[in-house]
C-alpha atoms as a PDB file:
ATOM      1  CA  MET A   1      -0.032   0.065   0.014  1.00  0.00           C
ATOM      2  CA  SER A   2       1.272   3.369  -0.928  1.00  0.00           C
ATOM      3  CA  THR A   3       1.343   6.307   1.621  1.00  0.00           C
ATOM      4  CA  PHE A   4       0.135   9.626   0.236  1.00  0.00           C
ATOM      5  CA  PHE A   5       1.324  13.020   1.289  1.00  0.00           C
ATOM      6  CA  TYR A   6      -1.233  15.909   0.706  1.00  0.00           C
ATOM      7  CA  VAL A   7      -0.821  19.484  -0.084  1.00  0.00           C
ATOM      8  CA  TYR A   8      -4.085  21.299   0.569  1.00  0.00           C
ATOM      9  CA  ILE A   9      -5.922  24.625   0.295  1.00  0.00           C
ATOM     10  CA  ILE A  10      -8.797  25.340   2.567  1.00  0.00           C
ATOM     11  CA  GLN A  11     -11.148  28.234   2.356  1.00  0.00           C
ATOM     12  CA  SER A  12     -12.776  29.980   5.185  1.00  0.00           C
ATOM     13  CA  GLU A  13     -16.524  29.910   5.261  1.00  0.00           C
ATOM     14  CA  LYS A  14     -16.536  33.042   7.477  1.00  0.00           C
ATOM     15  CA  ASP A  15     -14.399  35.020   4.959  1.00  0.00           C
ATOM     16  CA  VAL A  16     -14.529  33.557   1.491  1.00  0.00           C
ATOM     17  CA  ASN A  17     -11.422  35.623   0.493  1.00  0.00           C
ATOM     18  CA  ARG A  18      -9.364  33.881   3.200  1.00  0.00           C
ATOM     19  CA  PHE A  19      -7.331  30.705   2.281  1.00  0.00           C
ATOM     20  CA  TYR A  20      -4.804  28.492   4.163  1.00  0.00           C
ATOM     21  CA  THR A  21      -2.292  26.193   2.565  1.00  0.00           C
ATOM     22  CA  GLY A  22      -0.789  23.231   4.313  1.00  0.00           C
ATOM     23  CA  PHE A  23       0.607  19.803   4.219  1.00  0.00           C
ATOM     24  CA  THR A  24      -0.534  16.576   5.899  1.00  0.00           C
ATOM     25  CA  GLU A  25      -0.673  12.832   5.737  1.00  0.00           C
ATOM     26  CA  SER A  26      -4.283  12.714   7.035  1.00  0.00           C
ATOM     27  CA  LEU A  27      -6.819  15.031   5.283  1.00  0.00           C
ATOM     28  CA  ASP A  28      -9.784  14.341   7.503  1.00  0.00           C
ATOM     29  CA  GLU A  29      -7.758  14.796  10.699  1.00  0.00           C
ATOM     30  CA  ARG A  30      -6.146  17.975   9.563  1.00  0.00           C
ATOM     31  CA  LEU A  31      -9.383  19.668   8.488  1.00  0.00           C
ATOM     32  CA  ALA A  32     -10.886  18.634  11.930  1.00  0.00           C
ATOM     33  CA  GLN A  33      -7.870  20.264  13.669  1.00  0.00           C
ATOM     34  CA  HIS A  34      -8.350  23.573  11.601  1.00  0.00           C
ATOM     35  CA  ASN A  35     -12.157  23.605  12.504  1.00  0.00           C
ATOM     36  CA  ALA A  36     -11.607  22.791  16.129  1.00  0.00           C
ATOM     37  CA  GLY A  37      -9.269  25.931  16.512  1.00  0.00           C
ATOM     38  CA  SER A  38      -6.155  23.722  17.021  1.00  0.00           C
ATOM     39  CA  VAL A  39      -4.091  25.709  14.392  1.00  0.00           C
ATOM     40  CA  PRO A  40      -3.457  29.153  15.641  1.00  0.00           C
ATOM     41  CA  ALA A  41      -3.059  30.728  12.099  1.00  0.00           C
ATOM     42  CA  SER A  42      -6.473  29.501  10.964  1.00  0.00           C
ATOM     43  CA  LYS A  43      -8.342  29.651  14.264  1.00  0.00           C
ATOM     44  CA  PRO A  44      -9.976  33.255  13.714  1.00  0.00           C
ATOM     45  CA  PHE A  45     -11.428  32.265  10.374  1.00  0.00           C
ATOM     46  CA  ARG A  46     -13.329  29.073  11.230  1.00  0.00           C
ATOM     47  CA  PRO A  47     -15.144  27.065   9.875  1.00  0.00           C
ATOM     48  CA  TRP A  48     -13.063  25.892   6.993  1.00  0.00           C
ATOM     49  CA  LYS A  49     -13.948  23.868   3.827  1.00  0.00           C
ATOM     50  CA  TRP A  50     -11.815  22.144   1.314  1.00  0.00           C
ATOM     51  CA  LYS A  51     -10.739  24.132  -1.839  1.00  0.00           C
ATOM     52  CA  THR A  52      -8.053  21.932  -3.394  1.00  0.00           C
ATOM     53  CA  CYS A  53      -6.154  18.738  -2.310  1.00  0.00           C
ATOM     54  CA  LEU A  54      -3.271  17.331  -4.224  1.00  0.00           C
ATOM     55  CA  ALA A  55      -1.860  13.851  -3.423  1.00  0.00           C
ATOM     56  CA  TYR A  56       1.863  12.964  -3.718  1.00  0.00           C
ATOM     57  CA  THR A  57       3.692   9.623  -3.313  1.00  0.00           C
ATOM     58  CA  ASP A  58       6.871  11.697  -2.565  1.00  0.00           C
ATOM     59  CA  ARG A  59       7.043  13.457   0.701  1.00  0.00           C
ATOM     60  CA  ASP A  60       9.768  15.909  -0.467  1.00  0.00           C
ATOM     61  CA  GLN A  61       7.876  16.794  -3.608  1.00  0.00           C
ATOM     62  CA  ALA A  62       4.821  17.537  -1.591  1.00  0.00           C
ATOM     63  CA  LEU A  63       6.678  19.751   0.955  1.00  0.00           C
ATOM     64  CA  ALA A  64       8.461  21.593  -1.957  1.00  0.00           C
ATOM     65  CA  PHE A  65       5.032  22.277  -3.672  1.00  0.00           C
ATOM     66  CA  GLU A  66       3.595  23.488  -0.385  1.00  0.00           C
ATOM     67  CA  ARG A  67       6.593  25.929   0.027  1.00  0.00           C
ATOM     68  CA  TYR A  68       6.002  27.229  -3.504  1.00  0.00           C
ATOM     69  CA  LEU A  69       2.356  27.748  -2.911  1.00  0.00           C
ATOM     70  CA  LYS A  70       3.216  29.995   0.045  1.00  0.00           C
ATOM     71  CA  THR A  71       5.358  32.258  -2.117  1.00  0.00           C
ATOM     72  CA  ARG A  72       3.989  35.321  -4.000  1.00  0.00           C
ATOM     73  CA  SER A  73       4.197  33.494  -7.386  1.00  0.00           C
ATOM     74  CA  GLY A  74       2.608  30.266  -5.856  1.00  0.00           C
ATOM     75  CA  ARG A  75      -0.373  32.209  -4.413  1.00  0.00           C
ATOM     76  CA  ALA A  76      -0.838  33.779  -7.961  1.00  0.00           C
ATOM     77  CA  PHE A  77      -0.605  30.227  -9.511  1.00  0.00           C
ATOM     78  CA  ALA A  78      -3.160  28.748  -7.003  1.00  0.00           C
ATOM     79  CA  LYS A  79      -5.535  31.701  -7.501  1.00  0.00           C
ATOM     80  CA  LYS A  80      -5.456  31.244 -11.269  1.00  0.00           C
ATOM     81  CA  ARG A  81      -5.155  27.467 -11.598  1.00  0.00           C
ATOM     82  CA  LEU A  82      -6.438  25.849  -8.399  1.00  0.00           C
END
């Protein structure tokens, strides 16, 4: 069985112009953490819903893409393509 690593973008239901980008190995658990207020950066904008999820089989590639999405050009890419 292959393990997947996920890069995700969630969108605030409270402020639809607010997004959060992250990395996880468990999508369901991670969204639950965001919605429970366990993540300080996303806590004020709860509740959250999925916008985009990308699965990788290579952990380093997933982390590199997450880092890219958090750059200025990565945010522009995500806004236009994801």
